[in-house]
N, C-alpha and C. Protein backbone atom coordinates (compact mmCIF):
# COMPACT_ATOMS: atom_id res chain seq x y z
N MET A 1 -46.86 -7.37 -15.69
CA MET A 1 -45.64 -7.48 -16.23
C MET A 1 -44.75 -6.42 -16.01
N LYS A 2 -45.37 -5.11 -16.31
CA LYS A 2 -44.44 -3.94 -16.06
C LYS A 2 -44.05 -3.80 -14.60
N ARG A 3 -45.06 -4.11 -13.80
CA ARG A 3 -44.74 -4.02 -12.31
C ARG A 3 -43.62 -4.90 -11.93
N GLY A 4 -43.51 -6.09 -12.42
CA GLY A 4 -42.49 -7.14 -12.18
C GLY A 4 -41.03 -6.64 -12.67
N LEU A 5 -41.14 -6.03 -13.83
CA LEU A 5 -39.90 -5.52 -14.44
C LEU A 5 -39.26 -4.39 -13.55
N PHE A 6 -40.23 -3.59 -13.21
CA PHE A 6 -39.87 -2.54 -12.30
C PHE A 6 -39.25 -2.88 -11.15
N THR A 7 -39.92 -3.61 -10.35
CA THR A 7 -39.48 -4.44 -9.05
C THR A 7 -38.00 -4.86 -9.30
N VAL A 8 -37.88 -5.65 -10.34
CA VAL A 8 -36.51 -6.36 -10.49
C VAL A 8 -35.66 -5.15 -10.81
N ALA A 9 -35.67 -4.08 -11.66
CA ALA A 9 -34.91 -2.96 -11.97
C ALA A 9 -34.55 -2.21 -10.42
N VAL A 10 -35.65 -2.04 -9.75
CA VAL A 10 -35.25 -1.59 -8.44
C VAL A 10 -34.47 -2.29 -7.49
N LEU A 11 -34.55 -3.44 -7.56
CA LEU A 11 -33.68 -4.50 -6.59
C LEU A 11 -32.39 -4.52 -7.29
N LEU A 12 -32.20 -4.52 -8.47
CA LEU A 12 -30.85 -4.39 -8.98
C LEU A 12 -30.11 -3.11 -8.76
N LEU A 13 -30.74 -1.93 -8.84
CA LEU A 13 -30.25 -0.66 -8.45
C LEU A 13 -29.86 -0.60 -6.92
N LEU A 14 -30.63 -1.20 -6.16
CA LEU A 14 -30.39 -1.28 -4.75
C LEU A 14 -29.16 -2.06 -4.29
N GLY A 15 -29.16 -3.36 -5.06
CA GLY A 15 -28.03 -4.12 -4.90
C GLY A 15 -26.66 -3.48 -5.23
N TYR A 16 -26.62 -2.89 -6.35
CA TYR A 16 -25.49 -2.22 -6.85
C TYR A 16 -24.97 -1.13 -5.95
N GLY A 17 -26.04 -0.16 -5.42
CA GLY A 17 -25.89 0.80 -4.37
C GLY A 17 -25.25 0.12 -3.20
N LEU A 18 -25.64 -0.92 -2.50
CA LEU A 18 -25.08 -1.48 -1.42
C LEU A 18 -23.79 -1.97 -1.65
N PHE A 19 -23.42 -2.43 -2.73
CA PHE A 19 -22.23 -3.15 -3.39
C PHE A 19 -21.12 -1.77 -3.27
N GLU A 20 -21.54 -0.86 -3.82
CA GLU A 20 -20.62 0.59 -3.84
C GLU A 20 -20.49 1.17 -2.43
N ALA A 21 -21.63 1.04 -1.70
CA ALA A 21 -21.47 1.72 -0.40
C ALA A 21 -20.64 0.94 0.53
N TRP A 22 -20.53 -0.36 0.33
CA TRP A 22 -19.68 -1.26 1.15
C TRP A 22 -18.22 -0.72 1.07
N ARG A 23 -18.01 -0.57 -0.16
CA ARG A 23 -16.34 -0.16 -0.56
C ARG A 23 -16.29 1.15 0.22
N LEU A 24 -17.29 2.06 0.09
CA LEU A 24 -16.93 3.28 0.82
C LEU A 24 -16.90 3.40 2.28
N LEU A 25 -17.65 2.36 2.92
CA LEU A 25 -17.65 2.15 4.36
C LEU A 25 -16.37 1.46 4.75
N GLU A 26 -15.88 0.64 3.97
CA GLU A 26 -14.64 -0.17 4.43
C GLU A 26 -13.56 0.82 4.56
N GLY A 27 -13.30 1.78 3.77
CA GLY A 27 -12.08 2.69 3.94
C GLY A 27 -10.95 2.10 3.27
N PRO A 28 -9.78 2.77 3.37
CA PRO A 28 -8.60 2.53 2.66
C PRO A 28 -8.02 1.06 3.12
N GLN A 29 -7.58 0.17 2.23
CA GLN A 29 -7.01 -1.02 2.52
C GLN A 29 -5.47 -1.07 1.93
N LEU A 30 -4.62 -1.43 2.78
CA LEU A 30 -3.20 -1.39 2.47
C LEU A 30 -2.47 -2.64 2.99
N SER A 31 -1.54 -3.10 2.17
CA SER A 31 -0.70 -4.22 2.43
C SER A 31 0.56 -4.07 1.71
N ILE A 32 1.78 -4.24 2.60
CA ILE A 32 3.12 -4.21 1.99
C ILE A 32 3.55 -5.72 1.75
N LEU A 33 3.81 -5.98 0.58
CA LEU A 33 4.15 -7.36 0.46
C LEU A 33 5.82 -7.55 0.51
N SER A 34 6.44 -6.54 0.16
CA SER A 34 8.01 -6.69 0.11
C SER A 34 8.57 -5.29 0.32
N PRO A 35 9.57 -5.16 1.25
CA PRO A 35 10.52 -6.31 1.88
C PRO A 35 9.63 -6.71 3.18
N VAL A 36 10.18 -7.84 3.72
CA VAL A 36 9.64 -8.44 4.93
C VAL A 36 10.00 -7.56 6.23
N ASP A 37 9.13 -7.26 7.05
CA ASP A 37 9.52 -6.67 8.29
C ASP A 37 10.65 -7.31 8.86
N GLY A 38 11.71 -6.59 9.43
CA GLY A 38 12.70 -6.79 10.10
C GLY A 38 13.94 -7.41 9.18
N SER A 39 13.70 -7.41 7.92
CA SER A 39 14.80 -7.83 7.01
C SER A 39 16.11 -7.05 6.98
N ALA A 40 17.17 -7.52 6.39
CA ALA A 40 18.34 -6.83 6.45
C ALA A 40 18.78 -6.96 4.95
N THR A 41 19.79 -5.93 4.56
CA THR A 41 20.18 -5.89 3.14
C THR A 41 21.27 -5.24 3.17
N SER A 42 22.24 -5.49 2.22
CA SER A 42 23.62 -4.65 2.02
C SER A 42 23.37 -3.82 0.91
N SER A 43 22.18 -3.89 0.26
CA SER A 43 21.97 -2.78 -0.98
C SER A 43 21.46 -1.57 -0.36
N PRO A 44 21.92 -0.38 -0.94
CA PRO A 44 21.46 0.88 -0.35
C PRO A 44 20.17 1.41 -1.07
N ALA A 45 19.61 0.41 -1.89
CA ALA A 45 18.42 0.68 -2.55
C ALA A 45 17.40 -0.45 -2.31
N ILE A 46 16.17 -0.36 -2.03
CA ILE A 46 15.20 -1.37 -1.67
C ILE A 46 13.99 -1.13 -2.53
N LEU A 47 13.24 -2.23 -2.82
CA LEU A 47 12.14 -2.11 -3.57
C LEU A 47 10.80 -2.29 -2.73
N ILE A 48 10.00 -1.31 -2.68
CA ILE A 48 8.89 -1.40 -1.84
C ILE A 48 7.75 -1.87 -2.72
N GLU A 49 7.03 -2.93 -2.32
CA GLU A 49 5.94 -3.50 -3.13
C GLU A 49 4.77 -3.62 -2.22
N GLY A 50 3.69 -3.53 -2.88
CA GLY A 50 2.38 -3.79 -1.94
C GLY A 50 1.18 -3.54 -2.89
N THR A 51 -0.02 -3.66 -2.07
CA THR A 51 -1.36 -3.43 -2.76
C THR A 51 -2.09 -2.36 -1.91
N ALA A 52 -3.04 -1.60 -2.62
CA ALA A 52 -3.70 -0.63 -1.89
C ALA A 52 -5.17 -0.46 -2.65
N LYS A 53 -6.09 -0.45 -1.88
CA LYS A 53 -7.60 -0.37 -2.37
C LYS A 53 -8.32 0.74 -1.72
N ASN A 54 -9.42 1.26 -2.50
CA ASN A 54 -10.06 2.35 -1.95
C ASN A 54 -9.48 3.52 -1.54
N ILE A 55 -8.56 3.93 -2.38
CA ILE A 55 -7.57 5.00 -1.91
C ILE A 55 -7.65 6.27 -2.91
N ALA A 56 -7.48 7.35 -2.45
CA ALA A 56 -7.37 8.65 -3.22
C ALA A 56 -5.94 9.01 -3.32
N PHE A 57 -5.08 8.67 -2.35
CA PHE A 57 -3.58 9.33 -2.15
C PHE A 57 -2.67 8.20 -1.58
N LEU A 58 -1.63 8.09 -1.88
CA LEU A 58 -0.70 7.17 -1.33
C LEU A 58 0.83 7.79 -1.36
N THR A 59 1.32 7.47 -0.04
CA THR A 59 2.62 7.92 0.22
C THR A 59 3.65 6.87 0.69
N ILE A 60 4.81 7.06 0.46
CA ILE A 60 5.86 6.06 0.87
C ILE A 60 6.81 7.09 1.64
N ASN A 61 7.07 6.97 2.92
CA ASN A 61 7.84 7.77 3.75
C ASN A 61 7.56 9.40 3.39
N ASP A 62 6.37 9.57 3.40
CA ASP A 62 5.72 11.00 3.17
C ASP A 62 5.94 11.59 1.71
N LYS A 63 6.44 10.69 0.78
CA LYS A 63 6.62 11.03 -0.61
C LYS A 63 5.55 10.34 -1.45
N PRO A 64 4.81 11.26 -2.35
CA PRO A 64 3.67 10.65 -3.20
C PRO A 64 4.22 9.28 -3.89
N SER A 65 3.30 8.49 -3.89
CA SER A 65 3.51 7.35 -4.76
C SER A 65 2.04 6.82 -5.48
N TYR A 66 2.25 5.87 -6.48
CA TYR A 66 0.99 5.60 -7.19
C TYR A 66 0.69 4.22 -7.37
N THR A 67 -0.46 3.80 -7.56
CA THR A 67 -0.76 2.44 -7.87
C THR A 67 -1.11 2.33 -9.35
N ASP A 68 -0.93 1.03 -9.81
CA ASP A 68 -1.36 0.78 -11.12
C ASP A 68 -2.90 0.53 -11.14
N GLU A 69 -3.43 0.20 -12.32
CA GLU A 69 -4.87 0.03 -12.35
C GLU A 69 -5.53 -1.25 -11.50
N THR A 70 -4.69 -2.10 -11.30
CA THR A 70 -4.91 -3.17 -10.29
C THR A 70 -4.78 -2.86 -8.71
N GLY A 71 -4.26 -1.75 -8.38
CA GLY A 71 -3.97 -1.38 -7.06
C GLY A 71 -2.60 -1.81 -6.52
N HIS A 72 -1.69 -2.23 -7.26
CA HIS A 72 -0.26 -2.51 -7.08
C HIS A 72 0.63 -1.30 -7.00
N PHE A 73 1.43 -1.19 -5.98
CA PHE A 73 2.40 -0.20 -5.97
C PHE A 73 3.82 -0.81 -5.89
N ARG A 74 4.78 -0.02 -6.67
CA ARG A 74 6.27 -0.47 -6.41
C ARG A 74 7.09 0.83 -6.52
N GLN A 75 8.06 0.88 -5.70
CA GLN A 75 8.84 2.11 -5.60
C GLN A 75 10.16 1.74 -5.11
N LEU A 76 11.12 2.12 -5.96
CA LEU A 76 12.57 1.92 -5.30
C LEU A 76 12.94 3.08 -4.52
N LEU A 77 13.38 2.68 -3.26
CA LEU A 77 13.68 3.58 -2.28
C LEU A 77 15.21 3.50 -1.84
N SER A 78 15.90 4.41 -1.73
CA SER A 78 17.33 4.46 -0.97
C SER A 78 17.25 4.61 0.39
N VAL A 79 17.96 3.85 1.08
CA VAL A 79 18.04 3.63 2.61
C VAL A 79 19.52 3.86 3.00
N PRO A 80 19.62 4.72 4.18
CA PRO A 80 20.91 4.93 4.61
C PRO A 80 21.35 3.82 5.55
N PRO A 81 22.82 3.52 5.86
CA PRO A 81 23.00 2.53 6.51
C PRO A 81 22.37 2.56 7.94
N GLY A 82 22.35 1.34 8.40
CA GLY A 82 21.61 1.25 9.77
C GLY A 82 20.25 0.89 9.72
N TYR A 83 19.55 1.05 10.81
CA TYR A 83 18.09 0.84 10.93
C TYR A 83 17.16 1.78 10.38
N THR A 84 16.05 1.54 9.46
CA THR A 84 15.29 2.43 8.91
C THR A 84 13.87 1.94 8.88
N VAL A 85 12.78 2.75 9.07
CA VAL A 85 11.48 2.26 9.15
C VAL A 85 10.95 2.86 7.99
N VAL A 86 10.21 2.21 7.04
CA VAL A 86 9.47 2.52 5.95
C VAL A 86 7.92 2.42 6.26
N THR A 87 7.36 3.62 6.01
CA THR A 87 5.89 3.73 6.28
C THR A 87 5.23 4.05 4.95
N VAL A 88 4.17 3.14 4.64
CA VAL A 88 3.34 3.34 3.53
C VAL A 88 2.00 3.77 3.93
N ALA A 89 1.49 5.06 3.63
CA ALA A 89 0.17 5.55 4.07
C ALA A 89 -0.73 5.77 2.85
N ALA A 90 -2.03 5.59 3.16
CA ALA A 90 -3.01 5.63 2.03
C ALA A 90 -4.31 6.53 2.63
N THR A 91 -4.73 7.42 2.03
CA THR A 91 -6.09 8.18 2.37
C THR A 91 -7.11 7.94 1.36
N ASP A 92 -8.23 7.76 1.84
CA ASP A 92 -9.27 7.67 0.82
C ASP A 92 -9.91 8.96 0.53
N ARG A 93 -10.93 9.29 -0.17
CA ARG A 93 -11.45 10.44 -0.57
C ARG A 93 -12.29 11.10 0.57
N PHE A 94 -12.66 10.42 1.63
CA PHE A 94 -13.35 11.03 2.94
C PHE A 94 -12.20 11.34 3.96
N GLY A 95 -10.99 11.29 3.45
CA GLY A 95 -9.81 11.53 4.66
C GLY A 95 -9.57 10.47 5.57
N ARG A 96 -10.14 9.35 5.50
CA ARG A 96 -9.79 8.19 6.23
C ARG A 96 -8.47 7.72 5.88
N ARG A 97 -7.56 7.22 6.80
CA ARG A 97 -6.27 7.09 6.66
C ARG A 97 -5.76 5.65 7.15
N ALA A 98 -5.09 4.96 6.48
CA ALA A 98 -4.42 3.55 6.85
C ALA A 98 -3.01 3.64 6.67
N SER A 99 -2.20 3.06 7.50
CA SER A 99 -0.72 3.00 7.22
C SER A 99 -0.22 1.59 7.74
N GLU A 100 0.76 1.30 7.04
CA GLU A 100 1.60 0.01 7.53
C GLU A 100 3.14 0.42 7.51
N SER A 101 3.91 -0.20 8.37
CA SER A 101 5.39 0.09 8.43
C SER A 101 6.12 -1.26 8.36
N VAL A 102 7.29 -1.13 7.86
CA VAL A 102 8.26 -2.26 7.85
C VAL A 102 9.64 -1.65 8.40
N SER A 103 10.35 -2.45 9.08
CA SER A 103 11.75 -2.06 9.49
C SER A 103 12.80 -2.82 8.71
N ILE A 104 13.78 -1.99 8.21
CA ILE A 104 14.79 -2.72 7.46
C ILE A 104 16.19 -2.17 8.06
N THR A 105 17.24 -3.24 7.87
CA THR A 105 18.56 -2.79 8.36
C THR A 105 19.27 -2.90 7.16
N MET A 106 20.04 -1.76 6.85
CA MET A 106 21.18 -1.77 5.71
C MET A 106 22.32 -1.94 6.38
N LEU A 107 23.07 -3.19 6.06
CA LEU A 107 24.32 -3.47 6.68
C LEU A 107 25.42 -2.71 5.90
N ASN A 108 26.33 -2.27 6.43
CA ASN A 108 27.32 -1.47 5.89
C ASN A 108 28.61 -2.34 6.24
N PHE A 109 29.09 -3.08 5.34
CA PHE A 109 30.23 -3.92 5.68
C PHE A 109 31.47 -3.13 5.19
N CYS A 110 32.39 -3.38 6.16
CA CYS A 110 33.74 -2.53 5.83
C CYS A 110 34.76 -3.61 5.50
N PRO A 111 35.71 -3.50 4.44
CA PRO A 111 36.75 -4.39 4.04
C PRO A 111 37.59 -4.65 5.19
N VAL A 112 37.97 -5.81 5.22
CA VAL A 112 39.06 -6.33 6.30
C VAL A 112 40.39 -6.30 5.70
N GLU A 113 41.35 -5.47 6.53
CA GLU A 113 42.70 -5.60 6.15
C GLU A 113 43.37 -6.65 6.77
N SER A 114 44.30 -7.26 5.89
CA SER A 114 45.13 -8.32 6.61
C SER A 114 46.48 -7.78 7.06
N TYR A 115 46.82 -8.16 8.10
CA TYR A 115 48.20 -7.72 8.63
C TYR A 115 49.25 -8.94 8.80
N GLY A 116 50.30 -8.62 8.33
CA GLY A 116 51.12 -9.80 8.35
C GLY A 116 52.35 -9.81 7.56
């Protein structure tokens, strides 16, 4: 009886160890949910949203950012007129890195004067 319980306990510990090791082997996972790549806006501020898993450090355009307890991040970013590339990068505790980028065009409309 004791031998059977010991075997079950060892198998459970091995299973848990493999489960945790898989997350370590997988490395950082990163996804930008918003804005869509190639989108255009007339607003000088955009909301960057996404998810990150298995990370120790997160940056958006080389500035530190943070995730909530579920792995979601949200950050308001001001963009200059014209074409801009936003890069989100994540690093895990072993130094492995993942990054994703989206391009955004901030349209700068000028008022039209009427002549006449």
